[in-house]
Amino acid sequence: MSELEYGQQRQMEDPSMIGTLRTQAAMIWPLELPILGRLGFANFEQMADLGCGTGEFAGRLVAQWPSLRVRALDMYEGHLALAREAHPQADYPSLDFVQGDARDTGWNSNGLDAVTIRHVLHALPDVDVVLAESKRILKPGGLLYVLAEDYAGLIFDTPGEKAEHLFFDAMPALMQHGTNLFHGRAAHRELRAAGFEDVHVEPLVIDTSNTPRETFAEMLGFWRDGYANFIANALGVPAEQISKRFESLRYTVLDEDRYACWLSFVVSGRKPS
């Protein structure tokens, strides 16, 4: 584990997270790309990706816009090593991976055209500190781009209990670990409270109509591997019970007769000029 500490550290640094990040990026990137284009990423020169993990998103950004200089930051050197291996400098000269803390980057103020934070803020207990640091390092008029998760947005036609109930049950205990499973609905308010202007929310509907079912099910398998014990401990039940509930979600996704949806949110705002 990294020497630096944060709320949901053990799960974020579990080996299963490598597969989670890979499958999530494959599912979401086709839906995000038009939004990134509308927000002006093609015209940006320098940006940061905070909590970059294994670099799946940052690598796609510079492949799409090679002139965009991206500094990708993460606390965990294990993920950064994988990111550098997958994105060698010879092939990605405009992409740098650095270890650091999104709460205190140490970077110059007013220097970046954009900051992206994806799949991270719900797992941190001090969102306000990360947003304040993002605002500090942005240029006046610079863009903050957040991909926010809200686990009420899991809508699955499961044969038994509803998918979201697994996370509703775990919510009170997980809050004690600094994990807010309902963060997606709060992100708009949090950006405004941090002083960002022109705050806008765009829902991302990732479902069995626009995503390969096999990839969707694979992602849920990585969620199971990384979080079954965590949720079981929070609820005081055997891990096998939680694994079975994840398998019910995977069954739903793989059944051609059934529908499943993972609703997330792109929340963006600009630093005042």
C-alpha atoms as a PDB file:
ATOM      1  CA  MET A   1       0.000   0.000   0.000  1.00  0.00           C
ATOM      2  CA  SER A   2       1.056   3.601  -0.519  1.00  0.00           C
ATOM      3  CA  GLU A   3       2.584   5.515   2.382  1.00  0.00           C
ATOM      4  CA  LEU A   4      -0.008   8.267   1.935  1.00  0.00           C
ATOM      5  CA  GLU A   5      -3.428   7.490   3.390  1.00  0.00           C
ATOM      6  CA  TYR A   6      -7.050   8.095   2.383  1.00  0.00           C
ATOM      7  CA  GLY A   7     -10.509   6.690   3.089  1.00  0.00           C
ATOM      8  CA  GLN A   8     -11.004   3.657   0.835  1.00  0.00           C
ATOM      9  CA  GLN A   9      -7.328   2.952   0.339  1.00  0.00           C
ATOM     10  CA  ARG A  10      -7.178  -0.826   0.659  1.00  0.00           C
ATOM     11  CA  GLN A  11      -9.922  -1.423  -1.912  1.00  0.00           C
ATOM     12  CA  MET A  12      -8.508   1.122  -4.375  1.00  0.00           C
ATOM     13  CA  GLU A  13      -5.102  -0.568  -4.192  1.00  0.00           C
ATOM     14  CA  ASP A  14      -6.388  -4.150  -4.357  1.00  0.00           C
ATOM     15  CA  PRO A  15      -5.199  -6.069  -7.469  1.00  0.00           C
ATOM     16  CA  SER A  16      -8.804  -6.341  -8.638  1.00  0.00           C
ATOM     17  CA  MET A  17      -8.809  -2.575  -9.209  1.00  0.00           C
ATOM     18  CA  ILE A  18      -6.599  -3.050 -12.279  1.00  0.00           C
ATOM     19  CA  GLY A  19      -9.380  -4.981 -13.991  1.00  0.00           C
ATOM     20  CA  THR A  20     -12.029  -2.623 -12.667  1.00  0.00           C
ATOM     21  CA  LEU A  21     -10.305   0.401 -14.196  1.00  0.00           C
ATOM     22  CA  ARG A  22      -9.726  -1.374 -17.499  1.00  0.00           C
ATOM     23  CA  THR A  23     -13.320  -2.518 -17.953  1.00  0.00           C
ATOM     24  CA  GLN A  24     -14.845   0.743 -16.694  1.00  0.00           C
ATOM     25  CA  ALA A  25     -12.773   2.739 -19.168  1.00  0.00           C
ATOM     26  CA  ALA A  26     -13.780   0.453 -22.028  1.00  0.00           C
ATOM     27  CA  MET A  27     -17.448   0.881 -21.122  1.00  0.00           C
ATOM     28  CA  ILE A  28     -17.499   4.606 -20.438  1.00  0.00           C
ATOM     29  CA  TRP A  29     -15.006   6.143 -22.883  1.00  0.00           C
ATOM     30  CA  PRO A  30     -17.315   5.956 -25.945  1.00  0.00           C
ATOM     31  CA  LEU A  31     -19.965   7.860 -23.968  1.00  0.00           C
ATOM     32  CA  GLU A  32     -17.535  10.375 -22.479  1.00  0.00           C
ATOM     33  CA  LEU A  33     -15.696  11.279 -25.683  1.00  0.00           C
ATOM     34  CA  PRO A  34     -18.504  13.456 -27.153  1.00  0.00           C
ATOM     35  CA  ILE A  35     -18.828  15.283 -23.820  1.00  0.00           C
ATOM     36  CA  LEU A  36     -15.089  15.914 -23.640  1.00  0.00           C
ATOM     37  CA  GLY A  37     -15.238  17.314 -27.153  1.00  0.00           C
ATOM     38  CA  ARG A  38     -18.102  19.666 -26.311  1.00  0.00           C
ATOM     39  CA  LEU A  39     -16.250  20.898 -23.217  1.00  0.00           C
ATOM     40  CA  GLY A  40     -13.252  21.922 -25.298  1.00  0.00           C
ATOM     41  CA  PHE A  41     -10.553  19.357 -24.509  1.00  0.00           C
ATOM     42  CA  ALA A  42      -9.316  19.551 -28.093  1.00  0.00           C
ATOM     43  CA  ASN A  43      -8.298  23.163 -27.424  1.00  0.00           C
ATOM     44  CA  PHE A  44      -6.607  22.657 -24.060  1.00  0.00           C
ATOM     45  CA  GLU A  45      -2.823  22.685 -23.713  1.00  0.00           C
ATOM     46  CA  GLN A  46      -2.127  21.466 -20.158  1.00  0.00           C
ATOM     47  CA  MET A  47      -4.249  19.501 -17.719  1.00  0.00           C
ATOM     48  CA  ALA A  48      -4.106  17.109 -14.774  1.00  0.00           C
ATOM     49  CA  ASP A  49      -5.859  13.808 -14.142  1.00  0.00           C
ATOM     50  CA  LEU A  50      -6.093  13.391 -10.363  1.00  0.00           C
ATOM     51  CA  GLY A  51      -6.446   9.861  -9.020  1.00  0.00           C
ATOM     52  CA  CYS A  52      -5.384   8.487 -12.397  1.00  0.00           C
ATOM     53  CA  GLY A  53      -4.948   4.855 -11.300  1.00  0.00           C
ATOM     54  CA  THR A  54      -3.403   2.762 -14.066  1.00  0.00           C
ATOM     55  CA  GLY A  55      -3.736   5.557 -16.622  1.00  0.00           C
ATOM     56  CA  GLU A  56      -6.601   4.127 -18.662  1.00  0.00           C
ATOM     57  CA  PHE A  57      -8.325   7.504 -19.069  1.00  0.00           C
ATOM     58  CA  ALA A  58      -5.206   9.652 -19.375  1.00  0.00           C
ATOM     59  CA  GLY A  59      -3.844   7.380 -22.085  1.00  0.00           C
ATOM     60  CA  ARG A  60      -7.053   7.656 -24.072  1.00  0.00           C
ATOM     61  CA  LEU A  61      -6.982  11.446 -23.748  1.00  0.00           C
ATOM     62  CA  VAL A  62      -3.538  11.905 -25.262  1.00  0.00           C
ATOM     63  CA  ALA A  63      -4.216   9.288 -27.928  1.00  0.00           C
ATOM     64  CA  GLN A  64      -7.265  11.322 -28.936  1.00  0.00           C
ATOM     65  CA  TRP A  65      -5.539  14.736 -28.638  1.00  0.00           C
ATOM     66  CA  PRO A  66      -1.743  14.262 -28.928  1.00  0.00           C
ATOM     67  CA  SER A  67      -1.024  17.967 -28.413  1.00  0.00           C
ATOM     68  CA  LEU A  68      -2.657  17.873 -24.961  1.00  0.00           C
ATOM     69  CA  ARG A  69      -0.086  17.737 -22.164  1.00  0.00           C
ATOM     70  CA  VAL A  70      -1.411  15.573 -19.313  1.00  0.00           C
ATOM     71  CA  ARG A  71       0.080  15.216 -15.842  1.00  0.00           C
ATOM     72  CA  ALA A  72      -1.541  12.153 -14.283  1.00  0.00           C
ATOM     73  CA  LEU A  73      -1.288  11.865 -10.494  1.00  0.00           C
ATOM     74  CA  ASP A  74      -1.996   9.021  -8.105  1.00  0.00           C
ATOM     75  CA  MET A  75      -0.964   8.068  -4.584  1.00  0.00           C
ATOM     76  CA  TYR A  76      -0.261   4.418  -5.326  1.00  0.00           C
ATOM     77  CA  GLU A  77       3.072   3.720  -6.989  1.00  0.00           C
ATOM     78  CA  GLY A  78       1.942   0.200  -7.911  1.00  0.00           C
ATOM     79  CA  HIS A  79      -0.709   1.569 -10.281  1.00  0.00           C
ATOM     80  CA  LEU A  80       1.638   4.247 -11.588  1.00  0.00           C
ATOM     81  CA  ALA A  81       4.236   1.618 -12.492  1.00  0.00           C
ATOM     82  CA  LEU A  82       1.625  -0.203 -14.568  1.00  0.00           C
ATOM     83  CA  ALA A  83       0.552   3.073 -16.149  1.00  0.00           C
ATOM     84  CA  ARG A  84       4.120   3.908 -17.196  1.00  0.00           C
ATOM     85  CA  GLU A  85       4.637   0.417 -18.578  1.00  0.00           C
ATOM     86  CA  ALA A  86       1.467   0.633 -20.664  1.00  0.00           C
ATOM     87  CA  HIS A  87       2.221   4.189 -21.831  1.00  0.00           C
ATOM     88  CA  PRO A  88       5.966   4.485 -22.522  1.00  0.00           C
ATOM     89  CA  GLN A  89       7.321   7.983 -23.014  1.00  0.00           C
ATOM     90  CA  ALA A  90       8.472   7.145 -26.534  1.00  0.00           C
ATOM     91  CA  ASP A  91       4.852   6.554 -27.549  1.00  0.00           C
ATOM     92  CA  TYR A  92       3.188   9.058 -25.197  1.00  0.00           C
ATOM     93  CA  PRO A  93       5.592  12.022 -24.953  1.00  0.00           C
ATOM     94  CA  SER A  94       2.877  14.380 -23.698  1.00  0.00           C
ATOM     95  CA  LEU A  95       1.847  12.153 -20.777  1.00  0.00           C
ATOM     96  CA  ASP A  96       3.571  12.082 -17.372  1.00  0.00           C
ATOM     97  CA  PHE A  97       2.676   9.874 -14.400  1.00  0.00           C
ATOM     98  CA  VAL A  98       3.629  11.233 -10.972  1.00  0.00           C
ATOM     99  CA  GLN A  99       3.025  10.095  -7.418  1.00  0.00           C
ATOM    100  CA  GLY A 100       1.321  12.598  -5.171  1.00  0.00           C
ATOM    101  CA  ASP A 101      -1.699  13.633  -3.159  1.00  0.00           C
ATOM    102  CA  ALA A 102      -4.670  15.294  -4.876  1.00  0.00           C
ATOM    103  CA  ARG A 103      -5.341  17.158  -1.641  1.00  0.00           C
ATOM    104  CA  ASP A 104      -1.959  18.897  -1.847  1.00  0.00           C
ATOM    105  CA  THR A 105      -0.240  18.528  -5.220  1.00  0.00           C
ATOM    106  CA  GLY A 106       2.474  21.108  -4.604  1.00  0.00           C
ATOM    107  CA  TRP A 107       1.955  22.418  -8.145  1.00  0.00           C
ATOM    108  CA  ASN A 108       1.854  26.063  -9.145  1.00  0.00           C
ATOM    109  CA  SER A 109      -1.393  27.975  -8.859  1.00  0.00           C
ATOM    110  CA  ASN A 110      -3.338  29.109 -11.921  1.00  0.00           C
ATOM    111  CA  GLY A 111      -1.466  26.844 -14.319  1.00  0.00           C
ATOM    112  CA  LEU A 112      -3.833  24.302 -15.903  1.00  0.00           C
ATOM    113  CA  ASP A 113      -6.566  24.467 -18.504  1.00  0.00           C
ATOM    114  CA  ALA A 114      -8.436  21.494 -17.020  1.00  0.00           C
ATOM    115  CA  VAL A 115      -8.474  19.032 -14.144  1.00  0.00           C
ATOM    116  CA  THR A 116     -10.229  15.667 -14.350  1.00  0.00           C
ATOM    117  CA  ILE A 117     -11.234  13.483 -11.390  1.00  0.00           C
ATOM    118  CA  ARG A 118     -12.974  10.208 -12.204  1.00  0.00           C
ATOM    119  CA  HIS A 119     -14.339   7.417  -9.953  1.00  0.00           C
ATOM    120  CA  VAL A 120     -12.545   8.885  -6.933  1.00  0.00           C
ATOM    121  CA  LEU A 121     -14.440  11.460  -4.901  1.00  0.00           C
ATOM    122  CA  HIS A 122     -17.079   9.080  -3.522  1.00  0.00           C
ATOM    123  CA  ALA A 123     -14.262   7.142  -1.826  1.00  0.00           C
ATOM    124  CA  LEU A 124     -12.696  10.149  -0.078  1.00  0.00           C
ATOM    125  CA  PRO A 125     -13.796  11.695   3.220  1.00  0.00           C
ATOM    126  CA  ASP A 126     -12.406  15.156   2.379  1.00  0.00           C
ATOM    127  CA  VAL A 127     -13.909  16.023  -1.003  1.00  0.00           C
ATOM    128  CA  ASP A 128     -13.840  19.730  -0.210  1.00  0.00           C
ATOM    129  CA  VAL A 129     -10.049  19.696   0.149  1.00  0.00           C
ATOM    130  CA  VAL A 130      -9.580  18.008  -3.244  1.00  0.00           C
ATOM    131  CA  LEU A 131     -11.940  20.480  -4.914  1.00  0.00           C
ATOM    132  CA  ALA A 132     -10.157  23.431  -3.341  1.00  0.00           C
ATOM    133  CA  GLU A 133      -6.800  22.156  -4.575  1.00  0.00           C
ATOM    134  CA  SER A 134      -8.223  21.561  -8.050  1.00  0.00           C
ATOM    135  CA  LYS A 135      -9.506  25.112  -8.138  1.00  0.00           C
ATOM    136  CA  ARG A 136      -6.144  26.473  -7.006  1.00  0.00           C
ATOM    137  CA  ILE A 137      -4.127  24.801  -9.770  1.00  0.00           C
ATOM    138  CA  LEU A 138      -6.596  25.717 -12.518  1.00  0.00           C
ATOM    139  CA  LYS A 139      -6.216  28.850 -14.599  1.00  0.00           C
ATOM    140  CA  PRO A 140      -9.002  31.422 -14.248  1.00  0.00           C
ATOM    141  CA  GLY A 141     -11.756  30.078 -16.480  1.00  0.00           C
ATOM    142  CA  GLY A 142     -10.233  26.584 -16.314  1.00  0.00           C
ATOM    143  CA  LEU A 143     -12.456  23.492 -16.339  1.00  0.00           C
ATOM    144  CA  LEU A 144     -13.007  20.940 -13.580  1.00  0.00           C
ATOM    145  CA  TYR A 145     -14.393  17.640 -14.918  1.00  0.00           C
ATOM    146  CA  VAL A 146     -15.687  15.100 -12.386  1.00  0.00           C
ATOM    147  CA  LEU A 147     -17.093  11.650 -13.113  1.00  0.00           C
ATOM    148  CA  ALA A 148     -19.290  11.061 -10.069  1.00  0.00           C
ATOM    149  CA  GLU A 149     -20.744   7.747  -8.942  1.00  0.00           C
ATOM    150  CA  ASP A 150     -24.080   7.282  -7.181  1.00  0.00           C
ATOM    151  CA  TYR A 151     -25.039   3.719  -6.380  1.00  0.00           C
ATOM    152  CA  ALA A 152     -28.743   4.434  -6.460  1.00  0.00           C
ATOM    153  CA  GLY A 153     -28.092   4.507 -10.199  1.00  0.00           C
ATOM    154  CA  LEU A 154     -27.722   0.736 -10.443  1.00  0.00           C
ATOM    155  CA  ILE A 155     -30.951  -0.392 -12.106  1.00  0.00           C
ATOM    156  CA  PHE A 156     -30.974  -4.132 -12.786  1.00  0.00           C
ATOM    157  CA  ASP A 157     -33.832  -6.456 -13.686  1.00  0.00           C
ATOM    158  CA  THR A 158     -32.630  -9.045 -11.190  1.00  0.00           C
ATOM    159  CA  PRO A 159     -34.745 -12.129 -10.550  1.00  0.00           C
ATOM    160  CA  GLY A 160     -34.735 -11.468  -6.794  1.00  0.00           C
ATOM    161  CA  GLU A 161     -33.785  -8.434  -4.730  1.00  0.00           C
ATOM    162  CA  LYS A 162     -33.008  -5.168  -6.456  1.00  0.00           C
ATOM    163  CA  ALA A 163     -29.380  -4.463  -7.329  1.00  0.00           C
ATOM    164  CA  GLU A 164     -29.167  -1.184  -5.472  1.00  0.00           C
ATOM    165  CA  HIS A 165     -30.265  -2.780  -2.202  1.00  0.00           C
ATOM    166  CA  LEU A 166     -26.812  -4.329  -1.798  1.00  0.00           C
ATOM    167  CA  PHE A 167     -25.314  -0.856  -1.608  1.00  0.00           C
ATOM    168  CA  PHE A 168     -28.222   0.718   0.299  1.00  0.00           C
ATOM    169  CA  ASP A 169     -27.699  -1.911   2.993  1.00  0.00           C
ATOM    170  CA  ALA A 170     -23.990  -1.145   3.207  1.00  0.00           C
ATOM    171  CA  MET A 171     -24.273   2.646   3.062  1.00  0.00           C
ATOM    172  CA  PRO A 172     -24.364   3.489   6.810  1.00  0.00           C
ATOM    173  CA  ALA A 173     -21.326   1.370   7.629  1.00  0.00           C
ATOM    174  CA  LEU A 174     -19.334   2.491   4.590  1.00  0.00           C
ATOM    175  CA  MET A 175     -19.881   6.145   5.520  1.00  0.00           C
ATOM    176  CA  GLN A 176     -17.728   5.442   8.584  1.00  0.00           C
ATOM    177  CA  HIS A 177     -14.868   4.626   6.183  1.00  0.00           C
ATOM    178  CA  GLY A 178     -15.285   7.917   4.339  1.00  0.00           C
ATOM    179  CA  THR A 179     -17.185   6.316   1.453  1.00  0.00           C
ATOM    180  CA  ASN A 180     -20.306   8.113   0.194  1.00  0.00           C
ATOM    181  CA  LEU A 181     -22.177   5.805  -2.166  1.00  0.00           C
ATOM    182  CA  PHE A 182     -24.630   8.625  -2.919  1.00  0.00           C
ATOM    183  CA  HIS A 183     -21.958  11.116  -3.902  1.00  0.00           C
ATOM    184  CA  GLY A 184     -23.218  11.555  -7.469  1.00  0.00           C
ATOM    185  CA  ARG A 185     -26.267  13.555  -6.416  1.00  0.00           C
ATOM    186  CA  ALA A 186     -24.128  15.775  -4.152  1.00  0.00           C
ATOM    187  CA  ALA A 187     -21.411  16.651  -6.670  1.00  0.00           C
ATOM    188  CA  HIS A 188     -23.329  19.571  -8.204  1.00  0.00           C
ATOM    189  CA  ARG A 189     -23.765  21.184  -4.792  1.00  0.00           C
ATOM    190  CA  GLU A 190     -20.146  20.489  -3.812  1.00  0.00           C
ATOM    191  CA  LEU A 191     -18.693  22.165  -6.912  1.00  0.00           C
ATOM    192  CA  ARG A 192     -20.853  25.222  -6.337  1.00  0.00           C
ATOM    193  CA  ALA A 193     -19.833  25.332  -2.666  1.00  0.00           C
ATOM    194  CA  ALA A 194     -16.187  25.193  -3.761  1.00  0.00           C
ATOM    195  CA  GLY A 195     -16.725  28.327  -5.841  1.00  0.00           C
ATOM    196  CA  PHE A 196     -16.959  26.876  -9.335  1.00  0.00           C
ATOM    197  CA  GLU A 197     -19.198  28.595 -11.866  1.00  0.00           C
ATOM    198  CA  ASP A 198     -21.281  27.271 -14.754  1.00  0.00           C
ATOM    199  CA  VAL A 199     -21.722  23.944 -12.942  1.00  0.00           C
ATOM    200  CA  HIS A 200     -23.416  21.459 -15.235  1.00  0.00           C
ATOM    201  CA  VAL A 201     -24.500  17.833 -14.831  1.00  0.00           C
ATOM    202  CA  GLU A 202     -24.715  15.385 -17.707  1.00  0.00           C
ATOM    203  CA  PRO A 203     -25.958  11.852 -16.937  1.00  0.00           C
ATOM    204  CA  LEU A 204     -24.054   8.909 -18.364  1.00  0.00           C
ATOM    205  CA  VAL A 205     -26.288   5.910 -18.976  1.00  0.00           C
ATOM    206  CA  ILE A 206     -24.055   2.844 -19.239  1.00  0.00           C
ATOM    207  CA  ASP A 207     -26.363  -0.070 -19.984  1.00  0.00           C
ATOM    208  CA  THR A 208     -26.854  -3.343 -21.776  1.00  0.00           C
ATOM    209  CA  SER A 209     -27.981  -1.463 -24.892  1.00  0.00           C
ATOM    210  CA  ASN A 210     -24.748   0.461 -25.450  1.00  0.00           C
ATOM    211  CA  THR A 211     -22.202  -1.765 -23.683  1.00  0.00           C
ATOM    212  CA  PRO A 212     -21.153  -5.371 -24.406  1.00  0.00           C
ATOM    213  CA  ARG A 213     -22.778  -7.574 -21.805  1.00  0.00           C
ATOM    214  CA  GLU A 214     -19.595  -9.589 -21.370  1.00  0.00           C
ATOM    215  CA  THR A 215     -17.593  -6.477 -20.492  1.00  0.00           C
ATOM    216  CA  PHE A 216     -20.287  -5.281 -18.087  1.00  0.00           C
ATOM    217  CA  ALA A 217     -20.324  -8.663 -16.341  1.00  0.00           C
ATOM    218  CA  GLU A 218     -16.534  -8.738 -16.210  1.00  0.00           C
ATOM    219  CA  MET A 219     -16.521  -5.366 -14.446  1.00  0.00           C
ATOM    220  CA  LEU A 220     -19.007  -6.636 -11.850  1.00  0.00           C
ATOM    221  CA  GLY A 221     -16.737  -9.603 -11.264  1.00  0.00           C
ATOM    222  CA  PHE A 222     -13.877  -7.255 -10.417  1.00  0.00           C
ATOM    223  CA  TRP A 223     -16.205  -5.286  -8.128  1.00  0.00           C
ATOM    224  CA  ARG A 224     -17.044  -8.560  -6.379  1.00  0.00           C
ATOM    225  CA  ASP A 225     -13.392  -9.530  -5.973  1.00  0.00           C
ATOM    226  CA  GLY A 226     -12.412  -6.140  -4.591  1.00  0.00           C
ATOM    227  CA  TYR A 227     -15.398  -5.294  -2.430  1.00  0.00           C
ATOM    228  CA  ALA A 228     -17.173  -8.449  -1.241  1.00  0.00           C
ATOM    229  CA  ASN A 229     -15.082  -8.700   1.930  1.00  0.00           C
ATOM    230  CA  PHE A 230     -15.273  -4.954   2.547  1.00  0.00           C
ATOM    231  CA  ILE A 231     -19.072  -4.893   2.307  1.00  0.00           C
ATOM    232  CA  ALA A 232     -19.426  -8.151   4.252  1.00  0.00           C
ATOM    233  CA  ASN A 233     -17.365  -6.742   7.130  1.00  0.00           C
ATOM    234  CA  ALA A 234     -19.425  -3.557   7.060  1.00  0.00           C
ATOM    235  CA  LEU A 235     -22.662  -5.557   7.282  1.00  0.00           C
ATOM    236  CA  GLY A 236     -21.394  -8.258   9.612  1.00  0.00           C
ATOM    237  CA  VAL A 237     -22.292 -11.111   7.237  1.00  0.00           C
ATOM    238  CA  PRO A 238     -20.247 -13.847   5.516  1.00  0.00           C
ATOM    239  CA  ALA A 239     -18.388 -12.729   2.395  1.00  0.00           C
ATOM    240  CA  GLU A 240     -19.964 -15.608   0.462  1.00  0.00           C
ATOM    241  CA  GLN A 241     -23.356 -13.980   0.942  1.00  0.00           C
ATOM    242  CA  ILE A 242     -22.163 -10.756  -0.674  1.00  0.00           C
ATOM    243  CA  SER A 243     -20.445 -12.648  -3.491  1.00  0.00           C
ATOM    244  CA  LYS A 244     -23.744 -14.360  -4.304  1.00  0.00           C
ATOM    245  CA  ARG A 245     -25.463 -11.000  -4.525  1.00  0.00           C
ATOM    246  CA  PHE A 246     -22.819  -9.804  -6.981  1.00  0.00           C
ATOM    247  CA  GLU A 247     -23.334 -13.000  -8.977  1.00  0.00           C
ATOM    248  CA  SER A 248     -27.029 -12.145  -9.215  1.00  0.00           C
ATOM    249  CA  LEU A 249     -26.045  -8.860 -10.857  1.00  0.00           C
ATOM    250  CA  ARG A 250     -23.729 -10.649 -13.265  1.00  0.00           C
ATOM    251  CA  TYR A 251     -26.485 -13.129 -14.135  1.00  0.00           C
ATOM    252  CA  THR A 252     -28.812 -10.246 -14.970  1.00  0.00           C
ATOM    253  CA  VAL A 253     -26.268  -8.584 -17.252  1.00  0.00           C
ATOM    254  CA  LEU A 254     -25.532 -11.807 -19.146  1.00  0.00           C
ATOM    255  CA  ASP A 255     -29.206 -12.717 -19.616  1.00  0.00           C
ATOM    256  CA  GLU A 256     -30.251 -11.366 -23.033  1.00  0.00           C
ATOM    257  CA  ASP A 257     -33.838 -11.052 -21.802  1.00  0.00           C
ATOM    258  CA  ARG A 258     -32.911  -8.754 -18.912  1.00  0.00           C
ATOM    259  CA  TYR A 259     -31.893  -5.095 -18.770  1.00  0.00           C
ATOM    260  CA  ALA A 260     -29.224  -3.509 -16.560  1.00  0.00           C
ATOM    261  CA  CYS A 261     -28.128   0.105 -16.217  1.00  0.00           C
ATOM    262  CA  TRP A 262     -25.292   1.845 -14.357  1.00  0.00           C
ATOM    263  CA  LEU A 263     -26.116   5.555 -14.163  1.00  0.00           C
ATOM    264  CA  SER A 264     -23.209   7.911 -13.457  1.00  0.00           C
ATOM    265  CA  PHE A 265     -22.759  11.665 -13.822  1.00  0.00           C
ATOM    266  CA  VAL A 266     -20.317  14.019 -15.499  1.00  0.00           C
ATOM    267  CA  VAL A 267     -20.268  17.147 -13.344  1.00  0.00           C
ATOM    268  CA  SER A 268     -18.267  20.081 -14.692  1.00  0.00           C
ATOM    269  CA  GLY A 269     -17.606  23.626 -13.592  1.00  0.00           C
ATOM    270  CA  ARG A 270     -15.215  26.488 -14.278  1.00  0.00           C
ATOM    271  CA  LYS A 271     -12.940  28.488 -12.021  1.00  0.00           C
ATOM    272  CA  PRO A 272     -14.140  32.085 -11.982  1.00  0.00           C
ATOM    273  CA  SER A 273     -12.273  34.415 -14.298  1.00  0.00           C
END
